[in-house]
Amino acid sequence: MADKIVLVTGGGSGFGLAIAKRFVECGAKVIITGRNENKLESAVKSLGHNVSYLVWDLCDVSIAKTKMNEANAIYGTINVAINNAGVWTPKKWNDIDEAEWNKILDTNLKGLFFICQAEGEAMANSNSTVSKIINITSIEGVRGGFGPYWASKWGANGITRGMAKALIKNNVVVNAIAPGMGLTDINPNLPKDGNLNLSYNLNGRYVTVEEIAETACFLASDAANSIVGQVIVVDGGMALN
């Protein structure tokens, strides 16, 4: 991974922070993004060397290409992009109002499309032999559901497949990882004591952030260059229920 320059959106916590940590451990240079500068600064300090941050609100799609240029100016042209930023709501479908719907779709779907557009254009015009875009979606984009989070993740999986088809001719490989229930701060109702037990999942536990990080590193590696347009489910069997 020493030749990799990696962008991780939503890299200040959860899956994003674990992914950034694993890439740093493997020798990559990493740029994390998010909206909270204090959280990003803290994350960079914890990760050590070869890590920078960029404050970037993906909901402001007008700045996507400008921010991508800024990111490319830090270490050089990004050749791995992990699109992890996302939001969720614990509200039931019949309690969702228009503002909540727009908030989730603006981040998880519209924001994802425009950052993929910016990444794809930059990578297609680079001299890298193979570049990677990896979208962190969700098993809720595989299972049935009709709330805004489900709709956004079904759409994210569709964007992944469409971008993969469009960009492979430019040596840009696009895939997605669909995590199951993971112990991250996106859901404030999850246990905070590190207990991984999850009785209704087939393997009896939550997905760990490290498992998603390892999957991302594999997809970013040359060993996965022929995996194109796939949604890799990492959920302990939850999608089978």
C-alpha atoms as a PDB file:
ATOM      1  CA  MET A   1       0.000   0.000   0.000  1.00  0.00           C
ATOM      2  CA  ALA A   2       3.040   2.298   0.045  1.00  0.00           C
ATOM      3  CA  ASP A   3       2.099   3.654  -3.374  1.00  0.00           C
ATOM      4  CA  LYS A   4      -1.484   4.451  -2.364  1.00  0.00           C
ATOM      5  CA  ILE A   5      -2.826   7.935  -1.677  1.00  0.00           C
ATOM      6  CA  VAL A   6      -6.169   7.400  -0.004  1.00  0.00           C
ATOM      7  CA  LEU A   7      -9.154   9.704   0.551  1.00  0.00           C
ATOM      8  CA  VAL A   8     -11.599   8.640   3.289  1.00  0.00           C
ATOM      9  CA  THR A   9     -14.786  10.667   3.680  1.00  0.00           C
ATOM     10  CA  GLY A  10     -16.353  10.611   7.120  1.00  0.00           C
ATOM     11  CA  GLY A  11     -12.925   9.636   8.406  1.00  0.00           C
ATOM     12  CA  GLY A  12     -13.222  11.169  11.862  1.00  0.00           C
ATOM     13  CA  SER A  13     -14.963   8.226  13.517  1.00  0.00           C
ATOM     14  CA  GLY A  14     -16.547   4.817  13.054  1.00  0.00           C
ATOM     15  CA  PHE A  15     -15.863   2.799   9.919  1.00  0.00           C
ATOM     16  CA  GLY A  16     -14.047   5.747   8.326  1.00  0.00           C
ATOM     17  CA  LEU A  17     -11.562   6.146  11.154  1.00  0.00           C
ATOM     18  CA  ALA A  18     -10.886   2.394  11.271  1.00  0.00           C
ATOM     19  CA  ILE A  19     -10.351   2.342   7.494  1.00  0.00           C
ATOM     20  CA  ALA A  20      -7.950   5.288   7.679  1.00  0.00           C
ATOM     21  CA  LYS A  21      -6.051   3.605  10.517  1.00  0.00           C
ATOM     22  CA  ARG A  22      -5.628   0.363   8.579  1.00  0.00           C
ATOM     23  CA  PHE A  23      -4.377   2.114   5.444  1.00  0.00           C
ATOM     24  CA  VAL A  24      -1.848   4.095   7.504  1.00  0.00           C
ATOM     25  CA  GLU A  25      -0.655   0.847   9.100  1.00  0.00           C
ATOM     26  CA  CYS A  26      -0.163  -0.572   5.603  1.00  0.00           C
ATOM     27  CA  GLY A  27       2.012   2.376   4.553  1.00  0.00           C
ATOM     28  CA  ALA A  28      -0.442   4.521   2.593  1.00  0.00           C
ATOM     29  CA  LYS A  29      -0.785   8.293   2.770  1.00  0.00           C
ATOM     30  CA  VAL A  30      -4.286   9.183   3.919  1.00  0.00           C
ATOM     31  CA  ILE A  31      -6.563  12.231   3.799  1.00  0.00           C
ATOM     32  CA  ILE A  32      -9.684  12.141   5.952  1.00  0.00           C
ATOM     33  CA  THR A  33     -12.637  14.471   5.481  1.00  0.00           C
ATOM     34  CA  GLY A  34     -15.676  15.552   7.456  1.00  0.00           C
ATOM     35  CA  ARG A  35     -17.607  18.561   8.671  1.00  0.00           C
ATOM     36  CA  ASN A  36     -16.313  18.697  12.254  1.00  0.00           C
ATOM     37  CA  GLU A  37     -12.778  20.110  12.276  1.00  0.00           C
ATOM     38  CA  ASN A  38     -12.174  19.317  15.957  1.00  0.00           C
ATOM     39  CA  LYS A  39     -13.044  15.666  15.371  1.00  0.00           C
ATOM     40  CA  LEU A  40     -10.779  15.546  12.311  1.00  0.00           C
ATOM     41  CA  GLU A  41      -7.868  17.108  14.198  1.00  0.00           C
ATOM     42  CA  SER A  42      -8.255  14.573  16.997  1.00  0.00           C
ATOM     43  CA  ALA A  43      -8.387  11.711  14.501  1.00  0.00           C
ATOM     44  CA  VAL A  44      -5.222  12.876  12.730  1.00  0.00           C
ATOM     45  CA  LYS A  45      -3.355  13.046  16.054  1.00  0.00           C
ATOM     46  CA  SER A  46      -4.427   9.509  16.887  1.00  0.00           C
ATOM     47  CA  LEU A  47      -3.416   8.155  13.477  1.00  0.00           C
ATOM     48  CA  GLY A  48       0.112   9.549  13.441  1.00  0.00           C
ATOM     49  CA  HIS A  49       2.245  10.228  10.386  1.00  0.00           C
ATOM     50  CA  ASN A  50       1.231  10.458   6.715  1.00  0.00           C
ATOM     51  CA  VAL A  51      -2.297  11.648   7.581  1.00  0.00           C
ATOM     52  CA  SER A  52      -3.962  14.971   6.795  1.00  0.00           C
ATOM     53  CA  TYR A  53      -7.510  16.231   6.975  1.00  0.00           C
ATOM     54  CA  LEU A  54      -9.765  18.387   4.846  1.00  0.00           C
ATOM     55  CA  VAL A  55     -12.997  19.983   6.074  1.00  0.00           C
ATOM     56  CA  TRP A  56     -15.561  19.029   3.445  1.00  0.00           C
ATOM     57  CA  ASP A  57     -19.354  19.058   3.614  1.00  0.00           C
ATOM     58  CA  LEU A  58     -20.515  16.614   0.947  1.00  0.00           C
ATOM     59  CA  CYS A  59     -23.998  18.133   0.975  1.00  0.00           C
ATOM     60  CA  ASP A  60     -22.553  21.239  -0.704  1.00  0.00           C
ATOM     61  CA  VAL A  61     -22.176  19.653  -4.113  1.00  0.00           C
ATOM     62  CA  SER A  62     -21.029  22.945  -5.671  1.00  0.00           C
ATOM     63  CA  ILE A  63     -17.591  22.537  -4.040  1.00  0.00           C
ATOM     64  CA  ALA A  64     -16.996  18.851  -4.845  1.00  0.00           C
ATOM     65  CA  LYS A  65     -14.540  19.380  -7.689  1.00  0.00           C
ATOM     66  CA  THR A  66     -12.753  22.223  -5.905  1.00  0.00           C
ATOM     67  CA  LYS A  67     -12.314  20.100  -2.785  1.00  0.00           C
ATOM     68  CA  MET A  68     -11.116  17.185  -4.884  1.00  0.00           C
ATOM     69  CA  ASN A  69      -8.434  19.445  -6.357  1.00  0.00           C
ATOM     70  CA  GLU A  70      -7.435  20.517  -2.838  1.00  0.00           C
ATOM     71  CA  ALA A  71      -7.185  16.881  -1.754  1.00  0.00           C
ATOM     72  CA  ASN A  72      -5.030  16.017  -4.779  1.00  0.00           C
ATOM     73  CA  ALA A  73      -2.652  18.855  -3.875  1.00  0.00           C
ATOM     74  CA  ILE A  74      -1.811  17.431  -0.418  1.00  0.00           C
ATOM     75  CA  TYR A  75       0.178  14.278  -1.269  1.00  0.00           C
ATOM     76  CA  GLY A  76      -0.375  13.950  -4.999  1.00  0.00           C
ATOM     77  CA  THR A  77      -3.136  12.423  -7.081  1.00  0.00           C
ATOM     78  CA  ILE A  78      -5.515  10.258  -5.053  1.00  0.00           C
ATOM     79  CA  ASN A  79      -5.705   6.716  -6.373  1.00  0.00           C
ATOM     80  CA  VAL A  80      -8.036   5.223  -3.741  1.00  0.00           C
ATOM     81  CA  ALA A  81     -11.242   6.933  -2.586  1.00  0.00           C
ATOM     82  CA  ILE A  82     -13.328   5.474   0.235  1.00  0.00           C
ATOM     83  CA  ASN A  83     -16.728   7.171   0.324  1.00  0.00           C
ATOM     84  CA  ASN A  84     -17.873   6.438   3.857  1.00  0.00           C
ATOM     85  CA  ALA A  85     -19.712   9.595   4.983  1.00  0.00           C
ATOM     86  CA  GLY A  86     -23.366   9.017   5.735  1.00  0.00           C
ATOM     87  CA  VAL A  87     -26.245   9.771   8.091  1.00  0.00           C
ATOM     88  CA  TRP A  88     -29.043   7.699   9.579  1.00  0.00           C
ATOM     89  CA  THR A  89     -32.185   8.232  11.625  1.00  0.00           C
ATOM     90  CA  PRO A  90     -33.787   6.007  14.273  1.00  0.00           C
ATOM     91  CA  LYS A  91     -37.235   7.378  13.382  1.00  0.00           C
ATOM     92  CA  LYS A  92     -39.926   5.048  12.075  1.00  0.00           C
ATOM     93  CA  TRP A  93     -41.018   5.522   8.472  1.00  0.00           C
ATOM     94  CA  ASN A  94     -44.333   7.155   9.450  1.00  0.00           C
ATOM     95  CA  ASP A  95     -42.532   9.734  11.626  1.00  0.00           C
ATOM     96  CA  ILE A  96     -40.276  10.976   8.811  1.00  0.00           C
ATOM     97  CA  ASP A  97     -40.920  14.497   7.553  1.00  0.00           C
ATOM     98  CA  GLU A  98     -39.626  16.148   4.400  1.00  0.00           C
ATOM     99  CA  ALA A  99     -36.685  17.820   6.158  1.00  0.00           C
ATOM    100  CA  GLU A 100     -35.471  14.468   7.519  1.00  0.00           C
ATOM    101  CA  TRP A 101     -35.884  12.831   4.109  1.00  0.00           C
ATOM    102  CA  ASN A 102     -33.886  15.588   2.406  1.00  0.00           C
ATOM    103  CA  LYS A 103     -31.128  15.504   5.033  1.00  0.00           C
ATOM    104  CA  ILE A 104     -30.520  11.792   4.527  1.00  0.00           C
ATOM    105  CA  LEU A 105     -30.813  11.755   0.736  1.00  0.00           C
ATOM    106  CA  ASP A 106     -28.669  14.884   0.361  1.00  0.00           C
ATOM    107  CA  THR A 107     -25.786  13.204   2.178  1.00  0.00           C
ATOM    108  CA  ASN A 108     -26.130   9.530   1.352  1.00  0.00           C
ATOM    109  CA  LEU A 109     -27.213   9.805  -2.280  1.00  0.00           C
ATOM    110  CA  LYS A 110     -26.804  13.240  -3.835  1.00  0.00           C
ATOM    111  CA  GLY A 111     -23.561  13.930  -1.993  1.00  0.00           C
ATOM    112  CA  LEU A 112     -22.270  10.472  -2.926  1.00  0.00           C
ATOM    113  CA  PHE A 113     -23.044  10.946  -6.613  1.00  0.00           C
ATOM    114  CA  PHE A 114     -21.246  14.262  -6.882  1.00  0.00           C
ATOM    115  CA  ILE A 115     -18.179  13.157  -4.968  1.00  0.00           C
ATOM    116  CA  CYS A 116     -17.990  10.041  -7.154  1.00  0.00           C
ATOM    117  CA  GLN A 117     -18.258  12.335 -10.168  1.00  0.00           C
ATOM    118  CA  ALA A 118     -15.368  14.490  -8.926  1.00  0.00           C
ATOM    119  CA  GLU A 119     -13.258  11.462  -8.004  1.00  0.00           C
ATOM    120  CA  GLY A 120     -14.003   9.640 -11.233  1.00  0.00           C
ATOM    121  CA  GLU A 121     -13.078  12.602 -13.430  1.00  0.00           C
ATOM    122  CA  ALA A 122      -9.832  13.215 -11.539  1.00  0.00           C
ATOM    123  CA  MET A 123      -8.838   9.560 -11.599  1.00  0.00           C
ATOM    124  CA  ALA A 124      -9.742   9.086 -15.260  1.00  0.00           C
ATOM    125  CA  ASN A 125      -7.413  11.963 -16.147  1.00  0.00           C
ATOM    126  CA  SER A 126      -4.547  10.719 -13.966  1.00  0.00           C
ATOM    127  CA  ASN A 127      -1.562   8.588 -14.915  1.00  0.00           C
ATOM    128  CA  SER A 128      -2.331   5.882 -12.360  1.00  0.00           C
ATOM    129  CA  THR A 129      -2.425   2.362 -13.752  1.00  0.00           C
ATOM    130  CA  VAL A 130      -5.507   1.429 -11.688  1.00  0.00           C
ATOM    131  CA  SER A 131      -7.484   3.668  -9.332  1.00  0.00           C
ATOM    132  CA  LYS A 132     -10.206   2.574  -6.922  1.00  0.00           C
ATOM    133  CA  ILE A 133     -13.470   4.043  -5.676  1.00  0.00           C
ATOM    134  CA  ILE A 134     -15.037   2.109  -2.792  1.00  0.00           C
ATOM    135  CA  ASN A 135     -18.440   3.190  -1.499  1.00  0.00           C
ATOM    136  CA  ILE A 136     -19.487   2.188   2.015  1.00  0.00           C
ATOM    137  CA  THR A 137     -23.188   1.503   1.633  1.00  0.00           C
ATOM    138  CA  SER A 138     -25.284  -0.815   3.843  1.00  0.00           C
ATOM    139  CA  ILE A 139     -27.121  -4.109   3.863  1.00  0.00           C
ATOM    140  CA  GLU A 140     -30.239  -1.929   3.949  1.00  0.00           C
ATOM    141  CA  GLY A 141     -29.490  -1.378   0.263  1.00  0.00           C
ATOM    142  CA  VAL A 142     -29.805  -5.146  -0.187  1.00  0.00           C
ATOM    143  CA  ARG A 143     -32.758  -5.920   2.061  1.00  0.00           C
ATOM    144  CA  GLY A 144     -36.238  -4.523   1.578  1.00  0.00           C
ATOM    145  CA  GLY A 145     -37.240  -1.194   3.083  1.00  0.00           C
ATOM    146  CA  PHE A 146     -38.763   2.134   2.077  1.00  0.00           C
ATOM    147  CA  GLY A 147     -37.612   4.805   4.529  1.00  0.00           C
ATOM    148  CA  PRO A 148     -35.098   7.452   3.425  1.00  0.00           C
ATOM    149  CA  TYR A 149     -32.060   5.526   4.683  1.00  0.00           C
ATOM    150  CA  TRP A 150     -33.101   2.411   2.757  1.00  0.00           C
ATOM    151  CA  ALA A 151     -33.834   4.447  -0.366  1.00  0.00           C
ATOM    152  CA  SER A 152     -30.468   6.197  -0.134  1.00  0.00           C
ATOM    153  CA  LYS A 153     -28.560   2.921   0.201  1.00  0.00           C
ATOM    154  CA  TRP A 154     -30.402   1.199  -2.651  1.00  0.00           C
ATOM    155  CA  GLY A 155     -29.496   4.262  -4.692  1.00  0.00           C
ATOM    156  CA  ALA A 156     -25.870   4.146  -3.497  1.00  0.00           C
ATOM    157  CA  ASN A 157     -25.557   0.547  -4.656  1.00  0.00           C
ATOM    158  CA  GLY A 158     -27.011   1.572  -8.019  1.00  0.00           C
ATOM    159  CA  ILE A 159     -24.545   4.459  -8.328  1.00  0.00           C
ATOM    160  CA  THR A 160     -21.732   2.013  -7.562  1.00  0.00           C
ATOM    161  CA  ARG A 161     -22.716  -0.347 -10.359  1.00  0.00           C
ATOM    162  CA  GLY A 162     -23.341   2.447 -12.858  1.00  0.00           C
ATOM    163  CA  MET A 163     -20.075   4.242 -12.083  1.00  0.00           C
ATOM    164  CA  ALA A 164     -18.218   0.936 -12.328  1.00  0.00           C
ATOM    165  CA  LYS A 165     -19.561   0.344 -15.826  1.00  0.00           C
ATOM    166  CA  ALA A 166     -18.768   3.888 -16.942  1.00  0.00           C
ATOM    167  CA  LEU A 167     -15.266   4.197 -15.474  1.00  0.00           C
ATOM    168  CA  ILE A 168     -13.633   0.787 -15.963  1.00  0.00           C
ATOM    169  CA  LYS A 169     -12.479   1.828 -19.444  1.00  0.00           C
ATOM    170  CA  ASN A 170     -10.395   4.521 -17.720  1.00  0.00           C
ATOM    171  CA  ASN A 171      -8.817   2.011 -15.306  1.00  0.00           C
ATOM    172  CA  VAL A 172     -11.011   3.214 -12.445  1.00  0.00           C
ATOM    173  CA  VAL A 173     -12.453   0.266 -10.523  1.00  0.00           C
ATOM    174  CA  VAL A 174     -15.603   0.958  -8.492  1.00  0.00           C
ATOM    175  CA  ASN A 175     -17.081  -1.330  -5.837  1.00  0.00           C
ATOM    176  CA  ALA A 176     -19.047  -1.065  -2.599  1.00  0.00           C
ATOM    177  CA  ILE A 177     -18.959  -2.610   0.852  1.00  0.00           C
ATOM    178  CA  ALA A 178     -22.338  -3.146   2.506  1.00  0.00           C
ATOM    179  CA  PRO A 179     -21.800  -3.494   6.263  1.00  0.00           C
ATOM    180  CA  GLY A 180     -24.337  -5.066   8.532  1.00  0.00           C
ATOM    181  CA  MET A 181     -25.016  -3.821  12.038  1.00  0.00           C
ATOM    182  CA  GLY A 182     -21.742  -2.333  13.251  1.00  0.00           C
ATOM    183  CA  LEU A 183     -20.731  -0.724  16.516  1.00  0.00           C
ATOM    184  CA  THR A 184     -20.295   2.846  15.287  1.00  0.00           C
ATOM    185  CA  ASP A 185     -21.558   6.196  16.521  1.00  0.00           C
ATOM    186  CA  ILE A 186     -24.043   6.551  13.633  1.00  0.00           C
ATOM    187  CA  ASN A 187     -26.545   4.814  15.917  1.00  0.00           C
ATOM    188  CA  PRO A 188     -26.534   6.313  19.451  1.00  0.00           C
ATOM    189  CA  ASN A 189     -28.676   3.434  20.748  1.00  0.00           C
ATOM    190  CA  LEU A 190     -25.974   0.793  20.256  1.00  0.00           C
ATOM    191  CA  PRO A 191     -24.001  -0.539  23.256  1.00  0.00           C
ATOM    192  CA  LYS A 192     -20.989   1.479  24.365  1.00  0.00           C
ATOM    193  CA  ASP A 193     -19.316  -1.217  26.475  1.00  0.00           C
ATOM    194  CA  GLY A 194     -17.717  -3.087  23.582  1.00  0.00           C
ATOM    195  CA  ASN A 195     -20.151  -6.024  23.891  1.00  0.00           C
ATOM    196  CA  LEU A 196     -20.380  -7.585  20.421  1.00  0.00           C
ATOM    197  CA  ASN A 197     -23.269  -9.950  21.187  1.00  0.00           C
ATOM    198  CA  LEU A 198     -26.192  -9.604  18.774  1.00  0.00           C
ATOM    199  CA  SER A 199     -28.539 -12.506  19.314  1.00  0.00           C
ATOM    200  CA  TYR A 200     -30.705 -12.072  16.208  1.00  0.00           C
ATOM    201  CA  ASN A 201     -27.781 -12.060  13.777  1.00  0.00           C
ATOM    202  CA  LEU A 202     -26.842 -15.439  12.310  1.00  0.00           C
ATOM    203  CA  ASN A 203     -23.278 -15.292  13.627  1.00  0.00           C
ATOM    204  CA  GLY A 204     -24.457 -13.929  16.976  1.00  0.00           C
ATOM    205  CA  ARG A 205     -22.570 -10.630  16.984  1.00  0.00           C
ATOM    206  CA  TYR A 206     -22.111  -7.172  15.522  1.00  0.00           C
ATOM    207  CA  VAL A 207     -19.773  -6.423  12.627  1.00  0.00           C
ATOM    208  CA  THR A 208     -16.527  -4.825  13.815  1.00  0.00           C
ATOM    209  CA  VAL A 209     -15.046  -1.709  12.261  1.00  0.00           C
ATOM    210  CA  GLU A 210     -11.814  -3.634  11.728  1.00  0.00           C
ATOM    211  CA  GLU A 211     -13.600  -6.154   9.488  1.00  0.00           C
ATOM    212  CA  ILE A 212     -14.830  -3.354   7.226  1.00  0.00           C
ATOM    213  CA  ALA A 213     -11.340  -1.802   7.196  1.00  0.00           C
ATOM    214  CA  GLU A 214      -9.730  -5.077   6.132  1.00  0.00           C
ATOM    215  CA  THR A 215     -12.294  -5.516   3.357  1.00  0.00           C
ATOM    216  CA  ALA A 216     -11.588  -1.985   2.111  1.00  0.00           C
ATOM    217  CA  CYS A 217      -7.842  -2.668   2.049  1.00  0.00           C
ATOM    218  CA  PHE A 218      -8.381  -5.834   0.050  1.00  0.00           C
ATOM    219  CA  LEU A 219     -10.596  -4.081  -2.512  1.00  0.00           C
ATOM    220  CA  ALA A 220      -7.998  -1.308  -2.788  1.00  0.00           C
ATOM    221  CA  SER A 221      -5.217  -3.795  -3.482  1.00  0.00           C
ATOM    222  CA  ASP A 222      -4.108  -5.081  -6.875  1.00  0.00           C
ATOM    223  CA  ALA A 223      -5.431  -8.513  -5.880  1.00  0.00           C
ATOM    224  CA  ALA A 224      -8.954  -7.126  -6.384  1.00  0.00           C
ATOM    225  CA  ASN A 225      -8.456  -5.418  -9.756  1.00  0.00           C
ATOM    226  CA  SER A 226     -10.897  -7.788 -11.482  1.00  0.00           C
ATOM    227  CA  ILE A 227     -13.663  -7.239  -8.938  1.00  0.00           C
ATOM    228  CA  VAL A 228     -15.754  -4.589 -10.701  1.00  0.00           C
ATOM    229  CA  GLY A 229     -19.138  -3.148  -9.793  1.00  0.00           C
ATOM    230  CA  GLN A 230     -19.788  -5.492  -6.875  1.00  0.00           C
ATOM    231  CA  VAL A 231     -21.470  -4.850  -3.533  1.00  0.00           C
ATOM    232  CA  ILE A 232     -19.566  -6.902  -0.972  1.00  0.00           C
ATOM    233  CA  VAL A 233     -21.847  -7.722   1.968  1.00  0.00           C
ATOM    234  CA  VAL A 234     -20.086  -7.967   5.342  1.00  0.00           C
ATOM    235  CA  ASP A 235     -22.866  -8.617   7.841  1.00  0.00           C
ATOM    236  CA  GLY A 236     -22.478 -11.918   9.682  1.00  0.00           C
ATOM    237  CA  GLY A 237     -25.438 -13.316   7.739  1.00  0.00           C
ATOM    238  CA  MET A 238     -27.988 -10.628   8.615  1.00  0.00           C
ATOM    239  CA  ALA A 239     -29.115 -10.119   5.009  1.00  0.00           C
ATOM    240  CA  LEU A 240     -30.116 -13.793   4.871  1.00  0.00           C
ATOM    241  CA  ASN A 241     -32.762 -13.351   7.570  1.00  0.00           C
END
